[in-house]
Amino acid sequence: IDQRVALWRAADCLFSADVRGGLNMMPLEFVFAQKGKDSPGIVIASEFSGVFSILNGALRISPYDMKLTLATVDRALTMSKQEREGRHLRDIDFVSSSGSDKWIQGVLRDLFDQTESLGDGEIDSEENRSSEGKSVGAFLATAQEEQFTRLRSKSVISAYKSTSKRVIVLDFNGTIVLKQAVDSYLKRDSAGSTMDAPPTDVINSLRVLCADPKNTVFVVSGDNKENVEQAIGHIPGLGLAASNGSCFSPPLREGSSYRTWLALDLGVDWASVEGVALRIMAKFTARTNGSFIKRAHSSIGWSYYSCDPEFGSLQAKYLVIELERELAAFDVRFVNLKGIVEVIPRKLDKGIIVKKILRDVAARNNNAGVDFVLCMGDDISDEKMFTSVFSFVSEMNEDYSNVVPSPPVIQLSQGTLLASQPFLLEKPVLRCNNQNEQIYAFTVSVGKKESHASQYVDDARDVADLLVELSSGKRASFRRGTEDEMHLMQFS
């Protein structure tokens, strides 16, 4: 072993071109031996080897592609010191903390868990093999098959100018910020612990829209409240909802720098849920390089966004199966999509907070109602926002005893609320004074796909265009393109 380690230490590159390989420990030894070198060596690993799923800093090759292999070797030998150090840092902590004894313990533990499952007759259960991916497919299959039309900004602006009791609800990532998809081959350097801020033009547009007393503007995100507040919490008049709506902050008053945070009481013993989920997720984090646990209010997630895509997806499926078994006694559900597995209360979705916002705004000024709603989102979690808009419109002027009330609200942080924003107590009145007015409801999917929304735009650049036009009345320049006729939903 002394000679092997000396060879690893002297080498600038380790080349592994397995056609079919299991877990070869030599690349891990190589990474460890490079520790402390001024210019660490690079691992070149076959896509058919087990080690490529573990080492995030390795370069990928296909043994059957000679040109790509030669180009990759040349890249490794001529790579800059900065990139070498960056790739080495992706793996050294994981390799250093994963000795052979831990690998053996992990394999034995997995064998023991599988043996127990076989003994209980659960391993072949179709119910236990179900995943959130299937649930998502079933959910989308129930959507009405309707042909989307592109949102026509002129119609939105016309409705906006003719109304005075407006509610604008926007998703964050993928809607007001461009989303970076998980690449099939490129592994991200960032663990995603912070949020990207929207473009400057979007920030300025939100400031203008929030300053208009006729508007109530909320951004609803799946991230935790600390990240959401850091990214856009400084905008006066902007309401925030984090953790898919489980906690929210009413619009920030002009001149105030401290936000009051409230939460929905969803009837789940979350401390107990976290205790069970953390133990299971920690086990999967130890065996999956690049993964990490992400905690938020009423949400705990296991992120594999920075892992090898194929290996991370495989681990996520097994994680969901184990979580379903261990958390069967709790009223929770599992969301497995876009690089993360989340455990959340079964009743929680973005639609709950959207409906509460709409009910609260409609009850203001002696039940003046709402005459303009713009709701935009880009993924499956935003579908509930769209349906909640339609549900709100249908329940207007209904007897309150015939509808499902919003969950109770508790105050998370100190602070006072404006008298015009009594979110702590829902007003049990749905009969509004604008029964003869038209209600313009725009539900917009970001991206053309099967959805409960009525219109679509292509991506976040179109959202930015629309916000700039609403705030300034001028044509935006994020993207210029033709606009087709749209289906404008009008309710009377």
Protein backbone atom coordinates (compact mmCIF):
# COMPACT_ATOMS: atom_id res chain seq x y z
CA ILE A 1 0.00 0.00 0.00
CA ASP A 2 2.93 2.36 0.62
CA GLN A 3 4.01 2.07 -3.00
CA ARG A 4 0.43 2.54 -4.21
CA VAL A 5 -0.09 5.68 -2.11
CA ALA A 6 3.24 7.06 -3.30
CA LEU A 7 2.10 6.48 -6.89
CA TRP A 8 -1.21 8.24 -6.19
CA ARG A 9 0.65 11.13 -4.62
CA ALA A 10 2.96 11.61 -7.59
CA ALA A 11 0.30 11.23 -10.29
CA ASP A 12 -1.56 14.14 -11.90
CA CYS A 13 -4.44 11.97 -13.11
CA LEU A 14 -6.11 8.62 -12.39
CA PHE A 15 -7.75 7.01 -15.40
CA SER A 16 -10.46 4.36 -14.90
CA ALA A 17 -12.20 3.06 -18.04
CA ASP A 18 -14.34 0.22 -16.68
CA VAL A 19 -16.93 -1.19 -19.06
CA ARG A 20 -18.83 -2.60 -16.09
CA GLY A 21 -17.44 -1.87 -12.65
CA GLY A 22 -18.61 -2.08 -9.09
CA LEU A 23 -17.25 0.05 -6.26
CA ASN A 24 -13.52 0.41 -6.91
CA MET A 25 -11.86 1.99 -3.85
CA MET A 26 -8.68 3.05 -5.67
CA PRO A 27 -10.11 6.34 -7.00
CA LEU A 28 -11.14 7.16 -3.43
CA GLU A 29 -7.61 6.43 -2.26
CA PHE A 30 -6.30 8.68 -5.03
CA VAL A 31 -8.52 11.59 -3.93
CA PHE A 32 -7.39 11.18 -0.32
CA ALA A 33 -3.71 10.98 -1.31
CA GLN A 34 -4.03 14.30 -3.16
CA LYS A 35 -4.96 16.08 0.07
CA GLY A 36 -2.62 18.99 0.74
CA LYS A 37 -1.06 19.08 -2.73
CA ASP A 38 -0.57 22.46 -4.35
CA SER A 39 -2.30 21.24 -7.54
CA PRO A 40 -4.49 18.17 -6.78
CA GLY A 41 -4.84 15.37 -9.30
CA ILE A 42 -7.99 14.61 -11.27
CA VAL A 43 -10.00 11.37 -11.48
CA ILE A 44 -11.27 10.32 -14.92
CA ALA A 45 -13.99 7.71 -14.42
CA SER A 46 -16.13 5.63 -16.75
CA GLU A 47 -19.85 6.34 -16.72
CA PHE A 48 -20.32 2.58 -16.25
CA SER A 49 -18.33 2.48 -12.98
CA GLY A 50 -19.83 2.68 -9.53
CA VAL A 51 -17.29 5.28 -8.39
CA PHE A 52 -18.55 7.89 -10.87
CA SER A 53 -21.84 8.04 -8.93
CA ILE A 54 -19.86 8.86 -5.78
CA LEU A 55 -17.15 11.29 -6.85
CA ASN A 56 -18.72 14.60 -7.86
CA GLY A 57 -15.40 16.06 -8.95
CA ALA A 58 -14.53 13.28 -11.40
CA LEU A 59 -14.51 13.78 -15.16
CA ARG A 60 -16.86 11.48 -17.05
CA ILE A 61 -15.98 9.37 -20.08
CA SER A 62 -17.52 6.57 -22.12
CA PRO A 63 -14.99 3.80 -22.89
CA TYR A 64 -16.74 3.36 -26.25
CA ASP A 65 -16.17 6.98 -27.31
CA MET A 66 -12.48 7.28 -28.18
CA LYS A 67 -12.56 10.93 -29.25
CA LEU A 68 -14.33 12.05 -26.08
CA THR A 69 -11.93 9.99 -23.96
CA LEU A 70 -8.86 11.55 -25.58
CA ALA A 71 -10.34 15.04 -25.20
CA THR A 72 -11.11 14.38 -21.53
CA VAL A 73 -7.58 13.15 -20.81
CA ASP A 74 -6.18 16.26 -22.49
CA ARG A 75 -8.52 18.44 -20.44
CA ALA A 76 -7.40 16.76 -17.21
CA LEU A 77 -3.70 17.21 -17.99
CA THR A 78 -4.08 20.87 -18.97
CA MET A 79 -6.65 21.85 -16.35
CA SER A 80 -6.06 25.03 -14.36
CA LYS A 81 -5.01 24.88 -10.73
CA GLN A 82 -8.22 26.63 -9.68
CA GLU A 83 -10.49 24.05 -11.32
CA ARG A 84 -8.38 21.18 -9.93
CA GLU A 85 -8.76 22.55 -6.41
CA GLY A 86 -12.50 23.07 -6.91
CA ARG A 87 -13.06 19.50 -8.09
CA HIS A 88 -10.92 18.14 -5.26
CA LEU A 89 -12.92 20.07 -2.66
CA ARG A 90 -16.17 18.49 -3.89
CA ASP A 91 -15.00 15.05 -2.77
CA ILE A 92 -12.31 15.27 -0.09
CA ASP A 93 -14.68 15.79 2.87
CA PHE A 94 -16.85 12.84 1.87
CA VAL A 95 -13.86 10.56 1.15
CA SER A 96 -12.11 11.53 4.40
CA SER A 97 -15.18 10.70 6.48
CA SER A 98 -15.99 7.43 4.69
CA GLY A 99 -13.46 4.84 5.78
CA SER A 100 -13.67 1.17 4.82
CA ASP A 101 -15.22 0.35 8.20
CA LYS A 102 -18.11 2.72 7.49
CA TRP A 103 -18.62 1.22 4.03
CA ILE A 104 -18.82 -2.26 5.57
CA GLN A 105 -21.22 -1.08 8.27
CA GLY A 106 -23.39 0.62 5.67
CA VAL A 107 -23.57 -2.47 3.44
CA LEU A 108 -24.40 -4.72 6.41
CA ARG A 109 -27.05 -2.28 7.61
CA ASP A 110 -28.66 -2.18 4.16
CA LEU A 111 -28.64 -5.98 3.95
CA PHE A 112 -30.21 -6.20 7.39
CA ASP A 113 -32.92 -3.66 6.48
CA GLN A 114 -33.75 -5.53 3.26
CA THR A 115 -33.87 -8.86 5.08
CA GLU A 116 -36.31 -7.42 7.60
CA SER A 117 -38.46 -6.06 4.78
CA LEU A 118 -38.49 -9.44 3.05
CA GLY A 119 -39.47 -11.10 6.28
CA ASP A 120 -42.43 -8.77 6.67
CA GLY A 121 -43.50 -9.41 3.07
CA GLU A 122 -43.22 -5.72 2.26
CA ILE A 123 -40.47 -5.59 -0.32
CA ASP A 124 -42.69 -6.70 -3.17
CA SER A 125 -45.65 -4.60 -2.11
CA GLU A 126 -46.82 -2.42 -4.97
CA GLU A 127 -48.14 0.07 -2.43
CA ASN A 128 -44.69 0.48 -0.90
CA ARG A 129 -43.12 0.77 -4.32
CA SER A 130 -45.33 3.72 -5.18
CA SER A 131 -43.52 7.04 -5.34
CA GLU A 132 -44.45 10.65 -5.53
CA GLY A 133 -43.56 10.55 -9.22
CA LYS A 134 -46.56 8.30 -9.84
CA SER A 135 -48.74 10.53 -7.72
CA VAL A 136 -47.67 13.52 -9.78
CA GLY A 137 -48.52 11.70 -12.99
CA ALA A 138 -51.92 10.69 -11.65
CA PHE A 139 -52.54 14.24 -10.53
CA LEU A 140 -51.72 15.73 -13.93
CA ALA A 141 -53.78 13.06 -15.66
CA THR A 142 -56.89 14.39 -13.95
CA ALA A 143 -56.37 17.86 -15.38
CA GLN A 144 -58.74 18.88 -18.13
CA GLU A 145 -57.32 18.42 -21.59
CA GLU A 146 -57.46 21.94 -22.84
CA GLN A 147 -55.36 23.70 -25.41
CA PHE A 148 -53.28 26.42 -23.84
CA THR A 149 -53.11 29.83 -25.42
CA ARG A 150 -50.25 32.19 -24.81
CA LEU A 151 -50.99 34.94 -22.33
CA ARG A 152 -51.58 38.21 -24.11
CA SER A 153 -50.16 41.00 -21.99
CA LYS A 154 -52.46 43.64 -23.52
CA SER A 155 -55.51 41.85 -22.10
CA VAL A 156 -53.94 41.63 -18.64
CA ILE A 157 -53.00 45.32 -18.68
CA SER A 158 -56.47 46.31 -19.87
CA ALA A 159 -58.10 44.34 -17.04
CA TYR A 160 -55.55 45.70 -14.56
CA LYS A 161 -56.31 49.32 -15.45
CA SER A 162 -60.07 48.81 -15.21
CA THR A 163 -60.01 47.31 -11.69
CA SER A 164 -59.20 48.58 -8.21
CA LYS A 165 -59.20 45.56 -5.85
CA ARG A 166 -56.31 43.51 -7.20
CA VAL A 167 -54.43 40.46 -5.91
CA ILE A 168 -51.18 39.32 -7.53
CA VAL A 169 -49.66 35.99 -6.41
CA LEU A 170 -46.32 34.85 -7.82
CA ASP A 171 -44.19 31.77 -7.34
CA PHE A 172 -40.48 32.49 -6.78
CA ASN A 173 -38.04 30.03 -8.34
CA GLY A 174 -38.82 29.49 -12.02
CA THR A 175 -41.35 32.34 -12.12
CA ILE A 176 -39.71 35.62 -11.11
CA VAL A 177 -36.27 33.97 -11.16
CA LEU A 178 -35.01 31.77 -14.00
CA LYS A 179 -34.66 28.18 -12.82
CA GLN A 180 -31.54 26.18 -13.62
CA ALA A 181 -32.52 22.61 -14.41
CA VAL A 182 -30.67 19.56 -13.13
CA ASP A 183 -28.19 18.70 -15.87
CA SER A 184 -27.87 15.04 -16.81
CA TYR A 185 -24.10 15.15 -16.61
CA LEU A 186 -22.93 18.39 -14.98
CA LYS A 187 -22.90 18.35 -11.19
CA ARG A 188 -23.46 21.68 -9.49
CA ASP A 189 -20.89 23.25 -7.20
CA SER A 190 -23.48 24.95 -5.01
CA ALA A 191 -25.53 23.15 -2.38
CA GLY A 192 -28.40 25.57 -3.00
CA SER A 193 -28.49 26.95 0.51
CA THR A 194 -29.34 30.48 -0.63
CA MET A 195 -31.72 31.88 -3.19
CA ASP A 196 -30.90 33.92 -6.28
CA ALA A 197 -32.44 37.37 -6.24
CA PRO A 198 -34.75 38.39 -9.10
CA PRO A 199 -33.40 40.72 -11.80
CA THR A 200 -33.22 44.41 -10.94
CA ASP A 201 -36.08 45.29 -13.30
CA VAL A 202 -38.31 42.73 -11.57
CA ILE A 203 -37.39 44.09 -8.13
CA ASN A 204 -38.21 47.63 -9.26
CA SER A 205 -41.50 46.49 -10.81
CA LEU A 206 -42.51 44.75 -7.58
CA ARG A 207 -41.73 47.94 -5.65
CA VAL A 208 -44.05 49.95 -7.90
CA LEU A 209 -46.85 47.36 -7.80
CA CYS A 210 -46.63 47.03 -4.02
CA ALA A 211 -46.72 50.80 -3.56
CA ASP A 212 -50.15 50.97 -5.24
CA PRO A 213 -52.82 50.79 -2.49
CA LYS A 214 -55.14 49.02 -4.94
CA ASN A 215 -52.79 46.02 -5.05
CA THR A 216 -52.02 43.16 -2.69
CA VAL A 217 -48.88 41.36 -3.89
CA PHE A 218 -47.57 38.08 -2.47
CA VAL A 219 -44.65 35.85 -3.46
CA VAL A 220 -45.17 32.21 -2.47
CA SER A 221 -42.07 30.00 -2.28
CA GLY A 222 -41.22 26.45 -1.27
CA ASP A 223 -37.98 27.59 0.39
CA ASN A 224 -37.57 28.47 4.07
CA LYS A 225 -38.52 31.90 5.36
CA GLU A 226 -34.94 32.98 6.05
CA ASN A 227 -33.88 32.52 2.41
CA VAL A 228 -37.06 34.12 1.06
CA GLU A 229 -36.72 37.14 3.34
CA GLN A 230 -33.05 37.53 2.44
CA ALA A 231 -33.82 37.52 -1.29
CA ILE A 232 -36.87 39.82 -1.49
CA GLY A 233 -37.94 40.62 2.07
CA HIS A 234 -36.71 44.19 1.82
CA ILE A 235 -39.40 45.25 -0.66
CA PRO A 236 -41.98 47.49 1.09
CA GLY A 237 -45.59 46.37 0.70
CA LEU A 238 -44.66 42.85 -0.49
CA GLY A 239 -46.21 39.88 1.28
CA LEU A 240 -44.17 36.68 1.57
CA ALA A 241 -45.18 33.04 2.03
CA ALA A 242 -42.49 30.41 2.63
CA SER A 243 -42.34 26.62 3.00
CA ASN A 244 -45.16 26.21 0.45
CA GLY A 245 -47.39 28.54 2.43
CA SER A 246 -47.06 27.00 5.90
CA CYS A 247 -45.72 30.31 7.18
CA PHE A 248 -46.20 33.82 5.81
CA SER A 249 -45.42 37.46 6.46
CA PRO A 250 -47.98 40.20 5.68
CA PRO A 251 -46.81 43.08 3.47
CA LEU A 252 -43.91 45.03 4.96
CA ARG A 253 -44.85 48.57 5.91
CA GLU A 254 -42.96 51.49 4.37
CA GLY A 255 -40.04 52.45 6.59
CA SER A 256 -40.14 49.20 8.56
CA SER A 257 -37.25 46.72 8.47
CA TYR A 258 -38.72 44.00 10.70
CA ARG A 259 -41.24 41.48 9.40
CA THR A 260 -43.91 39.70 11.40
CA TRP A 261 -44.16 35.99 10.55
CA LEU A 262 -47.31 33.92 11.01
CA ALA A 263 -47.90 30.19 10.52
CA LEU A 264 -50.80 27.90 9.67
CA ASP A 265 -51.63 25.30 12.30
CA LEU A 266 -52.04 22.11 10.25
CA GLY A 267 -52.58 19.73 13.16
CA VAL A 268 -49.34 17.71 12.88
CA ASP A 269 -46.86 16.94 15.69
CA TRP A 270 -43.98 18.22 13.61
CA ALA A 271 -41.29 17.67 16.24
CA SER A 272 -42.02 13.94 16.23
CA VAL A 273 -42.11 13.82 12.42
CA GLU A 274 -38.74 15.58 12.22
CA GLY A 275 -37.21 13.19 14.74
CA VAL A 276 -38.10 10.14 12.64
CA ALA A 277 -37.35 11.72 9.26
CA LEU A 278 -33.97 13.14 10.30
CA ARG A 279 -32.73 9.75 11.41
CA ILE A 280 -33.63 8.14 8.09
CA MET A 281 -32.39 11.01 5.94
CA ALA A 282 -29.07 11.13 7.81
CA LYS A 283 -28.46 7.53 6.79
CA PHE A 284 -29.05 8.30 3.11
CA THR A 285 -26.92 11.46 3.34
CA ALA A 286 -23.98 9.43 4.64
CA ARG A 287 -24.11 7.08 1.65
CA THR A 288 -24.80 9.70 -1.07
CA ASN A 289 -22.03 12.19 -1.79
CA GLY A 290 -23.34 15.70 -2.45
CA SER A 291 -26.68 15.21 -0.71
CA PHE A 292 -27.82 17.23 2.27
CA ILE A 293 -30.83 17.73 4.55
CA LYS A 294 -32.86 20.90 4.14
CA ARG A 295 -35.16 22.01 6.97
CA ALA A 296 -37.90 24.61 6.83
CA HIS A 297 -41.06 25.39 8.77
CA SER A 298 -43.36 22.34 8.50
CA SER A 299 -41.06 20.81 5.91
CA ILE A 300 -37.97 18.65 5.92
CA GLY A 301 -36.25 17.67 2.68
CA TRP A 302 -33.40 15.50 1.42
CA SER A 303 -31.71 17.22 -1.52
CA TYR A 304 -29.85 15.21 -4.15
CA TYR A 305 -29.65 18.12 -6.60
CA SER A 306 -25.83 18.16 -6.46
CA CYS A 307 -25.41 14.38 -6.68
CA ASP A 308 -24.93 12.15 -9.68
CA PRO A 309 -28.42 12.40 -11.26
CA GLU A 310 -28.95 8.67 -11.80
CA PHE A 311 -27.58 7.56 -8.43
CA GLY A 312 -29.39 10.36 -6.58
CA SER A 313 -32.73 9.47 -8.17
CA LEU A 314 -32.25 5.82 -7.24
CA GLN A 315 -31.50 6.69 -3.62
CA ALA A 316 -34.51 9.04 -3.53
CA LYS A 317 -36.86 6.18 -4.49
CA TYR A 318 -35.57 3.99 -1.67
CA LEU A 319 -35.78 6.92 0.74
CA VAL A 320 -39.45 7.51 -0.05
CA ILE A 321 -40.25 3.82 0.53
CA GLU A 322 -38.57 3.86 3.94
CA LEU A 323 -40.16 7.18 4.95
CA GLU A 324 -43.60 5.91 3.98
CA ARG A 325 -43.14 2.91 6.23
CA GLU A 326 -41.77 4.77 9.26
CA LEU A 327 -44.11 7.79 9.10
CA ALA A 328 -47.32 5.88 8.38
CA ALA A 329 -48.79 6.97 11.73
CA PHE A 330 -48.48 10.69 10.92
CA ASP A 331 -50.71 12.80 8.68
CA VAL A 332 -47.91 13.64 6.23
CA ARG A 333 -47.17 13.14 2.55
CA PHE A 334 -44.02 12.92 0.43
CA VAL A 335 -43.01 15.05 -2.53
CA ASN A 336 -40.26 13.66 -4.76
CA LEU A 337 -39.37 15.91 -7.67
CA LYS A 338 -36.70 18.25 -9.03
CA GLY A 339 -33.80 16.95 -7.00
CA ILE A 340 -35.41 16.82 -3.56
CA VAL A 341 -37.59 14.53 -1.43
CA GLU A 342 -39.73 16.50 1.00
CA VAL A 343 -41.89 15.46 3.94
CA ILE A 344 -44.74 17.90 4.54
CA PRO A 345 -48.12 17.85 6.33
CA ARG A 346 -50.76 16.18 4.19
CA LYS A 347 -52.99 19.26 4.29
CA LEU A 348 -50.24 21.64 3.22
CA ASP A 349 -50.12 23.06 -0.27
CA LYS A 350 -49.74 26.52 -1.78
CA GLY A 351 -53.47 26.71 -2.46
CA ILE A 352 -54.29 27.08 1.24
CA ILE A 353 -52.35 30.32 1.64
CA VAL A 354 -53.59 31.70 -1.70
CA LYS A 355 -57.21 31.17 -0.73
CA LYS A 356 -56.59 32.75 2.68
CA ILE A 357 -55.04 35.82 1.02
CA LEU A 358 -57.99 36.15 -1.35
CA ARG A 359 -60.54 35.76 1.44
CA ASP A 360 -58.79 38.34 3.58
CA VAL A 361 -58.52 40.91 0.79
CA ALA A 362 -62.15 40.35 -0.22
CA ALA A 363 -63.30 41.00 3.36
CA ARG A 364 -61.59 44.38 3.59
CA ASN A 365 -63.38 47.70 3.28
CA ASN A 366 -66.74 46.28 4.35
CA ASN A 367 -66.52 43.19 2.12
CA ALA A 368 -65.58 45.11 -1.03
CA GLY A 369 -64.46 41.89 -2.72
CA VAL A 370 -61.78 41.27 -5.35
CA ASP A 371 -62.04 42.17 -9.04
CA PHE A 372 -58.60 41.20 -10.41
CA VAL A 373 -56.48 38.11 -9.72
CA LEU A 374 -53.16 37.28 -11.38
CA CYS A 375 -51.61 33.98 -10.26
CA MET A 376 -48.41 32.66 -11.89
CA GLY A 377 -46.33 29.54 -11.20
CA ASP A 378 -44.14 27.03 -12.99
CA ASP A 379 -44.33 23.56 -11.42
CA ILE A 380 -46.59 20.93 -9.90
CA SER A 381 -46.68 22.59 -6.47
CA ASP A 382 -48.19 25.69 -8.06
CA GLU A 383 -51.15 23.80 -9.53
CA LYS A 384 -52.96 24.09 -6.20
CA MET A 385 -52.62 27.87 -6.42
CA PHE A 386 -54.50 27.84 -9.72
CA THR A 387 -57.32 25.63 -8.45
CA SER A 388 -57.64 27.70 -5.29
CA VAL A 389 -58.29 30.80 -7.40
CA PHE A 390 -61.16 29.05 -9.18
CA SER A 391 -62.42 27.69 -5.85
CA PHE A 392 -62.40 31.17 -4.34
CA VAL A 393 -64.39 32.61 -7.24
CA SER A 394 -66.95 29.81 -7.04
CA GLU A 395 -67.45 30.20 -3.29
CA MET A 396 -67.97 33.97 -3.37
CA ASN A 397 -71.36 34.90 -1.92
CA GLU A 398 -71.68 31.35 -0.57
CA ASP A 399 -72.64 30.76 3.05
CA TYR A 400 -69.44 30.46 5.11
CA SER A 401 -70.73 27.33 6.85
CA ASN A 402 -70.71 25.53 3.47
CA VAL A 403 -66.99 26.02 2.76
CA VAL A 404 -63.82 24.66 4.34
CA PRO A 405 -62.35 27.40 6.57
CA SER A 406 -58.66 28.23 6.42
CA PRO A 407 -56.47 26.61 9.11
CA PRO A 408 -55.93 28.50 12.37
CA VAL A 409 -53.07 31.00 12.38
CA ILE A 410 -50.37 31.36 15.02
CA GLN A 411 -47.81 34.14 15.35
CA LEU A 412 -44.17 33.02 14.99
CA SER A 413 -42.35 36.30 15.58
CA GLN A 414 -42.91 39.48 17.52
CA GLY A 415 -44.41 42.48 15.82
CA THR A 416 -47.72 44.14 15.10
CA LEU A 417 -50.02 43.88 12.12
CA LEU A 418 -51.84 46.67 10.32
CA ALA A 419 -55.53 46.89 11.12
CA SER A 420 -56.23 46.38 7.42
CA GLN A 421 -54.36 43.06 7.47
CA PRO A 422 -56.01 40.94 10.19
CA PHE A 423 -54.54 37.63 9.02
CA LEU A 424 -54.68 36.18 12.53
CA LEU A 425 -58.47 35.76 12.38
CA GLU A 426 -60.38 34.91 9.23
CA LYS A 427 -63.58 36.88 8.78
CA PRO A 428 -66.43 34.37 8.29
CA VAL A 429 -68.16 36.38 5.55
CA LEU A 430 -68.02 35.49 1.86
CA ARG A 431 -70.78 37.78 0.62
CA CYS A 432 -69.19 40.73 -1.15
CA ASN A 433 -70.62 44.03 -2.28
CA ASN A 434 -69.28 43.70 -5.85
CA GLN A 435 -71.73 41.01 -7.02
CA ASN A 436 -72.47 42.90 -10.24
CA GLU A 437 -68.82 43.56 -11.09
CA GLN A 438 -66.71 41.47 -13.42
CA ILE A 439 -63.87 39.49 -11.90
CA TYR A 440 -60.79 39.03 -14.07
CA ALA A 441 -58.92 35.87 -13.06
CA PHE A 442 -55.65 35.06 -14.83
CA THR A 443 -54.04 31.75 -13.87
CA VAL A 444 -50.79 31.42 -15.77
CA SER A 445 -48.43 28.47 -16.09
CA VAL A 446 -44.77 29.33 -16.73
CA GLY A 447 -43.99 26.85 -19.48
CA LYS A 448 -46.44 25.19 -21.86
CA LYS A 449 -47.52 21.92 -20.26
CA GLU A 450 -50.60 20.15 -18.98
CA SER A 451 -51.92 22.32 -16.18
CA HIS A 452 -54.98 23.62 -14.36
CA ALA A 453 -53.95 27.13 -15.43
CA SER A 454 -55.85 28.83 -18.22
CA GLN A 455 -52.94 30.49 -20.03
CA TYR A 456 -49.18 30.09 -20.30
CA VAL A 457 -45.98 32.01 -20.89
CA ASP A 458 -42.73 30.45 -22.01
CA ASP A 459 -40.45 31.18 -19.05
CA ALA A 460 -39.50 33.66 -16.33
CA ARG A 461 -38.43 36.25 -18.89
CA ASP A 462 -42.05 36.56 -20.02
CA VAL A 463 -43.10 37.01 -16.39
CA ALA A 464 -40.54 39.79 -16.03
CA ASP A 465 -41.88 41.41 -19.20
CA LEU A 466 -45.42 41.39 -17.83
CA LEU A 467 -44.45 42.80 -14.42
CA VAL A 468 -42.50 45.62 -16.03
CA GLU A 469 -45.45 46.46 -18.29
CA LEU A 470 -47.93 46.39 -15.40
CA SER A 471 -45.78 48.69 -13.30
CA SER A 472 -44.69 51.13 -16.00
CA GLY A 473 -47.15 50.73 -18.87
CA LYS A 474 -44.17 50.39 -21.23
CA ARG A 475 -43.19 47.47 -23.41
CA ALA A 476 -40.51 45.40 -21.67
CA SER A 477 -37.36 44.13 -23.34
CA PHE A 478 -36.58 40.79 -21.69
CA ARG A 479 -37.98 39.08 -24.75
CA ARG A 480 -39.88 40.38 -27.73
CA GLY A 481 -42.14 38.02 -29.57
CA THR A 482 -45.52 37.57 -31.15
CA GLU A 483 -48.56 37.26 -28.93
CA ASP A 484 -51.39 34.96 -29.81
CA GLU A 485 -54.99 35.35 -28.80
CA MET A 486 -55.62 34.27 -25.21
CA HIS A 487 -58.55 32.86 -23.34
CA LEU A 488 -59.59 35.49 -20.81
CA MET A 489 -61.71 34.10 -18.00
CA GLN A 490 -64.40 36.51 -16.87
CA PHE A 491 -66.77 35.80 -14.04
CA SER A 492 -69.83 37.80 -13.29
